[in-house]
Amino acid sequence: MKFGIVFFPTVGGADGEATPTQYYDDGLHIAELADELGYFQVKLVEHYFFDYGGYSPDPTTFLAAVAARTSRLRIATGAVIPAFTHAVKLSGQLAMLDNISGGRLDVGFGRAFLPEEFAAFGIPLDESRARFEEGVEACVRLWTEDNLKWNGTFHQFGPVTMLPKPAQQPHPPVFVASTGNLDSCRTAGEQGRHLQLIASAATREKVQEALSIYRRARADAGHASGTERIDLTFPCFVDEDRAAAYLQGEYVERKMSEKMASAVSAWTTVKSDQYPGYDQMAAAAVRNGAAFDERVTENQVLAGTPDDVRGQLGEIAEWYGDDIAVGLSVHSGHLPRADVERGLRLFAERIAPAFAGGR
């Protein structure tokens, strides 16, 4: 089991909240510490307009700064959205980032799910899956082929040869980001992609079903066993004092739920058959924000003393496999940097060594 860190801003610069400059500065210092402590990866999302993720409209920009200030840490998009960026532009950005980082890039691609984002880019929600699949394939082929002529449904170009090619050959590891949609997991497995799951957003049974479908689809498609990479994300709050860890976690998770509920509120009036059940997202976010203790008990949130969190991770390894990577969501912008760094040190020194692969 390996451990990385995840940055997901849920601040918008309101009174008392971190400004963008403060958020990025804290994030860069946290990434430097993670590199020093031996964490294996830092991951950043792509979102627009809302306090929910809106400080990260271009994760490649921030990750380039992380790459310049670290030497071992893998940098990951979690995820970039092909529907919102032409494949020629996106593949070029990511190839540059892979070279700047010396071949440390993991590329997570996602479909996106906020109606206002699609509206701003002039993209119909009902095209999200098709645009995602076409965009991912086009990026991979631009990385690996010369004189590519592309005749897609949404874009046509070429013949062109992308420069630079990625540092990693034939291309950086490609992940599909999902909240647990079973069709997405099945397709990712069939195509031999890796998988990013927000495990905190689903029950144990749903995560297990998603992973089972993904692993079975990979095997049935003939992809070699043991070559897959699975990243699961969990919020994490560690302190020597359990009450202090819970106080941090309850505050951050409540803020997260408030910001998410606002961002997804459009789903109460917007409908798309590609997003079944999304009309319930705002209510689910509010419930999650009010059920912190329950979510800790269900291992959807990691919180408590080092002994507590070590025990939670032991159960997670039993549930999902000990070959997974765990992304610790630690930088929302709502906690002082000193608190985040203290938790990362405690985790690295008192928790990670108990697991094979450690950090």
Protein backbone atom coordinates (compact mmCIF):
# COMPACT_ATOMS: atom_id res chain seq x y z
CA MET A 1 0.00 0.00 0.00
CA LYS A 2 1.30 3.44 -0.99
CA PHE A 3 0.25 6.85 0.29
CA GLY A 4 -0.06 10.12 -1.56
CA ILE A 5 -1.71 13.45 -0.86
CA VAL A 6 -4.68 15.09 -2.57
CA PHE A 7 -5.38 18.80 -2.86
CA PHE A 8 -9.05 19.75 -3.24
CA PRO A 9 -9.78 23.41 -2.49
CA THR A 10 -13.18 24.21 -1.00
CA VAL A 11 -12.57 27.90 -0.41
CA GLY A 12 -13.48 30.98 -2.42
CA GLY A 13 -11.73 33.84 -0.65
CA ALA A 14 -14.63 34.86 1.60
CA ASP A 15 -13.81 36.57 4.89
CA GLY A 16 -11.51 34.33 6.89
CA GLU A 17 -10.90 31.92 4.00
CA ALA A 18 -7.63 31.38 2.18
CA THR A 19 -7.04 33.52 -0.87
CA PRO A 20 -5.80 31.82 -4.04
CA THR A 21 -2.27 33.08 -3.38
CA GLN A 22 -2.35 31.67 0.15
CA TYR A 23 -3.80 28.36 -0.99
CA TYR A 24 -1.15 27.82 -3.68
CA ASP A 25 1.70 28.93 -1.41
CA ASP A 26 0.59 26.59 1.37
CA GLY A 27 0.13 23.80 -1.18
CA LEU A 28 3.66 24.16 -2.52
CA HIS A 29 5.15 24.03 0.98
CA ILE A 30 3.00 21.00 1.83
CA ALA A 31 4.13 19.27 -1.39
CA GLU A 32 7.78 19.94 -0.54
CA LEU A 33 7.26 18.38 2.89
CA ALA A 34 5.49 15.38 1.35
CA ASP A 35 8.46 14.88 -0.97
CA GLU A 36 10.84 15.05 1.99
CA LEU A 37 8.75 12.59 4.02
CA GLY A 38 8.58 10.04 1.20
CA TYR A 39 4.95 10.26 0.09
CA PHE A 40 4.67 8.95 -3.43
CA GLN A 41 2.24 11.33 -5.16
CA VAL A 42 0.40 14.67 -5.07
CA LYS A 43 -2.88 14.99 -6.94
CA LEU A 44 -5.01 17.99 -7.94
CA VAL A 45 -8.50 18.25 -9.42
CA GLU A 46 -9.90 20.44 -12.26
CA HIS A 47 -12.95 22.58 -11.44
CA TYR A 48 -14.34 26.01 -12.27
CA PHE A 49 -16.42 28.86 -10.81
CA PHE A 50 -17.43 27.43 -7.42
CA ASP A 51 -15.78 27.36 -3.99
CA TYR A 52 -15.97 23.60 -4.54
CA GLY A 53 -12.69 23.09 -6.38
CA GLY A 54 -12.71 26.44 -8.16
CA TYR A 55 -9.14 27.38 -7.24
CA SER A 56 -7.92 24.66 -9.62
CA PRO A 57 -9.10 25.47 -13.17
CA ASP A 58 -5.76 24.27 -14.57
CA PRO A 59 -4.05 21.62 -12.43
CA THR A 60 -1.12 21.38 -14.85
CA THR A 61 -0.01 24.91 -13.91
CA PHE A 62 0.17 24.14 -10.22
CA LEU A 63 1.69 20.70 -10.77
CA ALA A 64 4.48 22.22 -12.86
CA ALA A 65 5.38 24.36 -9.85
CA VAL A 66 5.30 21.27 -7.63
CA ALA A 67 7.56 19.43 -10.07
CA ALA A 68 10.09 22.26 -9.91
CA ARG A 69 10.24 22.11 -6.10
CA THR A 70 10.33 18.34 -5.61
CA SER A 71 12.48 15.46 -6.84
CA ARG A 72 10.71 12.17 -6.02
CA LEU A 73 7.02 12.95 -5.68
CA ARG A 74 4.86 11.79 -8.57
CA ILE A 75 2.45 14.45 -9.77
CA ALA A 76 -1.06 13.52 -10.81
CA THR A 77 -4.10 15.11 -12.38
CA GLY A 78 -7.15 13.96 -10.55
CA ALA A 79 -8.57 14.71 -13.06
CA VAL A 80 -8.28 16.80 -16.24
CA ILE A 81 -11.42 17.06 -18.37
CA PRO A 82 -11.03 16.19 -22.09
CA ALA A 83 -14.49 17.58 -22.87
CA PHE A 84 -13.32 21.09 -21.97
CA THR A 85 -9.96 21.14 -23.80
CA HIS A 86 -9.09 20.22 -27.38
CA ALA A 87 -7.02 17.04 -27.42
CA VAL A 88 -4.14 18.72 -29.28
CA LYS A 89 -3.87 21.35 -26.53
CA LEU A 90 -4.39 18.93 -23.63
CA SER A 91 -1.97 16.30 -24.89
CA GLY A 92 0.67 18.99 -25.43
CA GLN A 93 0.21 20.44 -21.94
CA LEU A 94 0.52 17.02 -20.34
CA ALA A 95 3.54 16.00 -22.45
CA MET A 96 5.29 19.21 -21.39
CA LEU A 97 4.47 18.53 -17.75
CA ASP A 98 5.80 14.98 -17.99
CA ASN A 99 9.09 16.29 -19.36
CA ILE A 100 9.32 19.16 -16.86
CA SER A 101 8.85 16.65 -14.01
CA GLY A 102 11.40 14.22 -15.41
CA GLY A 103 8.77 11.58 -16.13
CA ARG A 104 6.85 11.75 -12.87
CA LEU A 105 3.37 12.39 -14.27
CA ASP A 106 0.26 10.26 -13.71
CA VAL A 107 -2.66 11.42 -15.87
CA GLY A 108 -6.17 11.07 -14.51
CA PHE A 109 -8.95 11.90 -16.99
CA GLY A 110 -12.50 12.63 -15.87
CA ARG A 111 -15.90 13.36 -17.37
CA ALA A 112 -16.89 16.28 -15.07
CA PHE A 113 -20.38 16.55 -13.60
CA LEU A 114 -21.26 20.18 -12.78
CA PRO A 115 -23.89 21.56 -15.20
CA GLU A 116 -22.60 25.15 -15.04
CA GLU A 117 -19.15 24.02 -16.19
CA PHE A 118 -20.61 22.31 -19.26
CA ALA A 119 -22.78 25.35 -20.00
CA ALA A 120 -19.80 27.72 -19.84
CA PHE A 121 -17.87 25.64 -22.37
CA GLY A 122 -20.94 25.20 -24.58
CA ILE A 123 -20.81 21.41 -24.18
CA PRO A 124 -24.07 19.42 -23.81
CA LEU A 125 -24.13 17.17 -20.76
CA ASP A 126 -25.40 14.33 -22.92
CA GLU A 127 -22.12 14.38 -24.89
CA SER A 128 -19.91 14.01 -21.81
CA ARG A 129 -19.15 10.30 -22.09
CA ALA A 130 -18.51 10.36 -25.83
CA ARG A 131 -16.30 13.45 -25.56
CA PHE A 132 -14.41 11.86 -22.67
CA GLU A 133 -13.72 8.63 -24.54
CA GLU A 134 -12.73 10.40 -27.75
CA GLY A 135 -10.51 12.88 -25.90
CA VAL A 136 -8.61 10.23 -23.97
CA GLU A 137 -8.00 8.13 -27.08
CA ALA A 138 -6.86 11.17 -29.06
CA CYS A 139 -4.39 12.21 -26.33
CA VAL A 140 -2.86 8.74 -26.12
CA ARG A 141 -2.50 8.50 -29.90
CA LEU A 142 -0.97 11.98 -30.12
CA TRP A 143 1.61 10.87 -27.55
CA THR A 144 2.44 7.64 -29.32
CA GLU A 145 2.00 8.21 -33.06
CA ASP A 146 3.53 10.44 -35.70
CA ASN A 147 1.60 12.03 -38.54
CA LEU A 148 -1.70 11.35 -36.80
CA LYS A 149 -4.81 12.17 -38.80
CA TRP A 150 -7.82 12.31 -36.50
CA ASN A 151 -11.40 12.09 -37.77
CA GLY A 152 -13.42 12.10 -34.57
CA THR A 153 -17.02 12.96 -33.87
CA PHE A 154 -16.11 16.23 -32.19
CA HIS A 155 -12.71 17.17 -33.63
CA GLN A 156 -10.85 16.58 -36.87
CA PHE A 157 -7.19 17.39 -37.38
CA GLY A 158 -3.96 16.26 -38.93
CA PRO A 159 -1.84 14.75 -40.02
CA VAL A 160 0.20 16.15 -37.09
CA THR A 161 3.10 15.00 -34.93
CA MET A 162 2.97 16.18 -31.32
CA LEU A 163 6.09 17.77 -29.87
CA PRO A 164 7.30 17.10 -27.32
CA LYS A 165 6.54 13.45 -26.85
CA PRO A 166 6.16 12.47 -23.17
CA ALA A 167 9.26 11.61 -21.16
CA GLN A 168 7.64 8.31 -20.11
CA GLN A 169 7.36 5.83 -22.93
CA PRO A 170 5.12 4.96 -24.53
CA HIS A 171 3.16 7.52 -22.46
CA PRO A 172 2.40 8.46 -18.83
CA PRO A 173 0.14 6.10 -16.85
CA VAL A 174 -3.48 6.84 -17.80
CA PHE A 175 -6.19 6.72 -15.13
CA VAL A 176 -9.95 6.99 -15.38
CA ALA A 177 -11.38 9.07 -12.53
CA SER A 178 -14.75 7.92 -11.19
CA THR A 179 -17.03 8.26 -8.20
CA GLY A 180 -17.92 4.60 -8.68
CA ASN A 181 -19.99 4.54 -11.87
CA LEU A 182 -19.96 0.85 -12.80
CA ASP A 183 -19.98 1.41 -16.56
CA SER A 184 -16.96 3.73 -16.25
CA CYS A 185 -15.11 1.16 -14.14
CA ARG A 186 -15.90 -1.64 -16.57
CA THR A 187 -14.75 0.38 -19.58
CA ALA A 188 -11.56 1.43 -17.80
CA GLY A 189 -10.78 -2.21 -17.11
CA GLU A 190 -11.51 -3.34 -20.66
CA GLN A 191 -9.22 -0.65 -22.07
CA GLY A 192 -6.41 -1.44 -19.63
CA ARG A 193 -6.58 1.96 -17.95
CA HIS A 194 -5.77 2.55 -14.30
CA LEU A 195 -8.47 3.71 -11.87
CA GLN A 196 -8.97 6.68 -9.54
CA LEU A 197 -11.93 6.35 -7.15
CA ILE A 198 -13.20 8.76 -4.52
CA ALA A 199 -13.83 6.01 -2.01
CA SER A 200 -15.14 8.46 0.58
CA ALA A 201 -18.17 9.13 -1.64
CA ALA A 202 -19.52 5.57 -1.60
CA THR A 203 -20.29 2.73 0.76
CA ARG A 204 -17.93 -0.20 1.26
CA GLU A 205 -20.23 -2.44 -0.79
CA LYS A 206 -20.36 -0.02 -3.72
CA VAL A 207 -16.59 0.43 -3.77
CA GLN A 208 -16.07 -3.33 -3.63
CA GLU A 209 -18.52 -3.83 -6.49
CA ALA A 210 -16.80 -1.16 -8.59
CA LEU A 211 -13.36 -2.67 -7.99
CA SER A 212 -14.60 -6.19 -8.69
CA ILE A 213 -16.13 -5.13 -12.01
CA TYR A 214 -12.97 -3.19 -12.94
CA ARG A 215 -10.60 -6.06 -12.10
CA ARG A 216 -12.78 -8.65 -13.84
CA ALA A 217 -13.07 -6.51 -16.98
CA ARG A 218 -9.27 -6.10 -17.10
CA ALA A 219 -8.73 -9.82 -16.75
CA ASP A 220 -11.40 -10.73 -19.33
CA ALA A 221 -9.81 -8.29 -21.81
CA GLY A 222 -6.46 -10.05 -21.41
CA HIS A 223 -4.57 -7.37 -19.50
CA ALA A 224 -1.85 -8.81 -17.29
CA SER A 225 -2.78 -9.31 -13.65
CA GLY A 226 -0.94 -7.06 -11.23
CA THR A 227 -0.23 -4.33 -13.77
CA GLU A 228 -3.22 -2.21 -12.76
CA ARG A 229 -2.95 0.76 -10.42
CA ILE A 230 -5.88 1.71 -8.19
CA ASP A 231 -5.94 5.03 -6.33
CA LEU A 232 -8.56 5.51 -3.61
CA THR A 233 -9.08 8.94 -2.03
CA PHE A 234 -10.07 9.55 1.59
CA PRO A 235 -10.14 12.72 3.72
CA CYS A 236 -7.56 12.34 6.50
CA PHE A 237 -7.17 14.05 9.88
CA VAL A 238 -4.50 12.79 12.28
CA ASP A 239 -3.54 14.14 15.70
CA GLU A 240 -2.11 12.73 18.91
CA ASP A 241 -5.38 13.88 20.48
CA ARG A 242 -8.40 12.11 18.98
CA ALA A 243 -10.73 14.96 19.93
CA ALA A 244 -8.51 17.46 18.10
CA ALA A 245 -8.45 15.29 14.96
CA TYR A 246 -12.23 14.97 15.04
CA LEU A 247 -12.65 18.71 15.55
CA GLN A 248 -10.55 19.39 12.44
CA GLY A 249 -12.36 16.74 10.44
CA GLU A 250 -15.86 17.79 11.41
CA TYR A 251 -15.13 21.38 10.45
CA VAL A 252 -13.49 20.61 7.10
CA GLU A 253 -16.08 18.00 6.10
CA ARG A 254 -18.96 20.31 7.02
CA LYS A 255 -17.45 23.04 4.86
CA MET A 256 -16.90 20.55 2.04
CA SER A 257 -20.52 19.43 2.18
CA GLU A 258 -21.80 23.02 2.14
CA LYS A 259 -19.64 23.95 -0.84
CA MET A 260 -20.52 20.79 -2.74
CA ALA A 261 -24.24 21.19 -2.09
CA SER A 262 -24.07 24.67 -3.60
CA ALA A 263 -22.06 23.51 -6.62
CA VAL A 264 -24.41 20.63 -7.46
CA SER A 265 -27.65 22.50 -6.78
CA ALA A 266 -28.32 22.84 -10.52
CA TRP A 267 -29.04 19.11 -10.64
CA THR A 268 -32.40 19.78 -8.98
CA THR A 269 -33.58 21.24 -12.30
CA VAL A 270 -31.15 19.76 -14.86
CA LYS A 271 -31.63 16.22 -16.18
CA SER A 272 -29.35 13.94 -18.20
CA ASP A 273 -29.63 10.20 -18.72
CA GLN A 274 -25.81 10.04 -18.55
CA TYR A 275 -25.94 11.13 -14.90
CA PRO A 276 -28.59 8.97 -13.22
CA GLY A 277 -29.31 9.85 -9.61
CA TYR A 278 -27.43 13.15 -9.68
CA ASP A 279 -30.60 15.00 -8.66
CA GLN A 280 -29.92 13.60 -5.17
CA MET A 281 -26.36 14.89 -4.89
CA ALA A 282 -27.09 18.08 -2.95
CA ALA A 283 -29.11 16.23 -0.31
CA ALA A 284 -26.43 13.52 -0.07
CA ALA A 285 -23.72 16.16 0.45
CA VAL A 286 -25.67 17.71 3.32
CA ARG A 287 -26.22 14.29 4.93
CA ASN A 288 -22.51 13.49 4.69
CA GLY A 289 -21.59 16.77 6.33
CA ALA A 290 -23.81 15.96 9.30
CA ALA A 291 -22.65 12.36 9.71
CA PHE A 292 -18.95 12.70 10.47
CA ASP A 293 -18.75 10.07 13.24
CA GLU A 294 -20.69 7.59 11.13
CA ARG A 295 -18.43 8.15 8.13
CA VAL A 296 -15.35 7.56 10.30
CA THR A 297 -16.89 4.32 11.57
CA GLU A 298 -17.55 3.25 7.97
CA ASN A 299 -13.94 4.16 6.97
CA GLN A 300 -15.13 6.79 4.51
CA VAL A 301 -13.08 9.35 6.44
CA LEU A 302 -9.75 8.62 8.14
CA ALA A 303 -9.63 10.41 11.50
CA GLY A 304 -8.19 10.07 14.97
CA THR A 305 -4.89 9.16 16.57
CA PRO A 306 -2.16 7.36 14.62
CA ASP A 307 -3.35 4.08 16.17
CA ASP A 308 -6.94 4.80 15.11
CA VAL A 309 -6.03 5.57 11.50
CA ARG A 310 -3.63 2.62 11.29
CA GLY A 311 -6.55 0.39 12.28
CA GLN A 312 -8.82 1.95 9.67
CA LEU A 313 -6.26 1.39 6.94
CA GLY A 314 -5.86 -2.23 7.99
CA GLU A 315 -9.58 -2.74 7.41
CA ILE A 316 -9.42 -0.85 4.11
CA ALA A 317 -6.62 -3.16 2.93
CA GLU A 318 -8.76 -6.18 3.84
CA TRP A 319 -11.77 -4.74 2.00
CA TYR A 320 -10.13 -3.46 -1.19
CA GLY A 321 -6.71 -5.15 -1.39
CA ASP A 322 -3.30 -4.24 -0.05
CA ASP A 323 -1.97 -3.29 -3.50
CA ILE A 324 -3.94 -0.04 -3.67
CA ALA A 325 -2.65 3.51 -3.35
CA VAL A 326 -4.40 5.72 -0.81
CA GLY A 327 -4.67 9.43 -1.54
CA LEU A 328 -5.00 11.47 1.65
CA SER A 329 -7.15 14.55 1.02
CA VAL A 330 -5.44 17.05 3.32
CA HIS A 331 -5.44 20.52 1.73
CA SER A 332 -8.90 22.06 1.47
CA GLY A 333 -7.77 25.53 2.47
CA HIS A 334 -9.71 25.45 5.75
CA LEU A 335 -6.90 24.32 8.07
CA PRO A 336 -3.70 26.17 8.96
CA ARG A 337 -0.70 24.82 7.09
CA ALA A 338 0.99 23.93 10.37
CA ASP A 339 -1.89 21.58 11.26
CA VAL A 340 -1.74 19.87 7.86
CA GLU A 341 2.01 19.44 8.09
CA ARG A 342 1.83 18.06 11.62
CA GLY A 343 -0.69 15.47 10.46
CA LEU A 344 1.47 14.50 7.49
CA ARG A 345 4.49 14.01 9.77
CA LEU A 346 2.50 11.87 12.17
CA PHE A 347 1.15 9.77 9.31
CA ALA A 348 4.59 9.29 7.76
CA GLU A 349 6.27 8.40 11.04
CA ARG A 350 3.59 6.46 12.89
CA ILE A 351 1.21 4.98 10.29
CA ALA A 352 2.83 4.44 6.88
CA PRO A 353 5.66 2.17 8.14
CA ALA A 354 3.08 -0.44 9.18
CA PHE A 355 2.17 -1.11 5.55
CA ALA A 356 4.22 -2.70 2.81
CA GLY A 357 5.33 -0.05 0.38
CA GLY A 358 4.82 2.48 3.17
CA ARG A 359 4.81 5.79 1.36
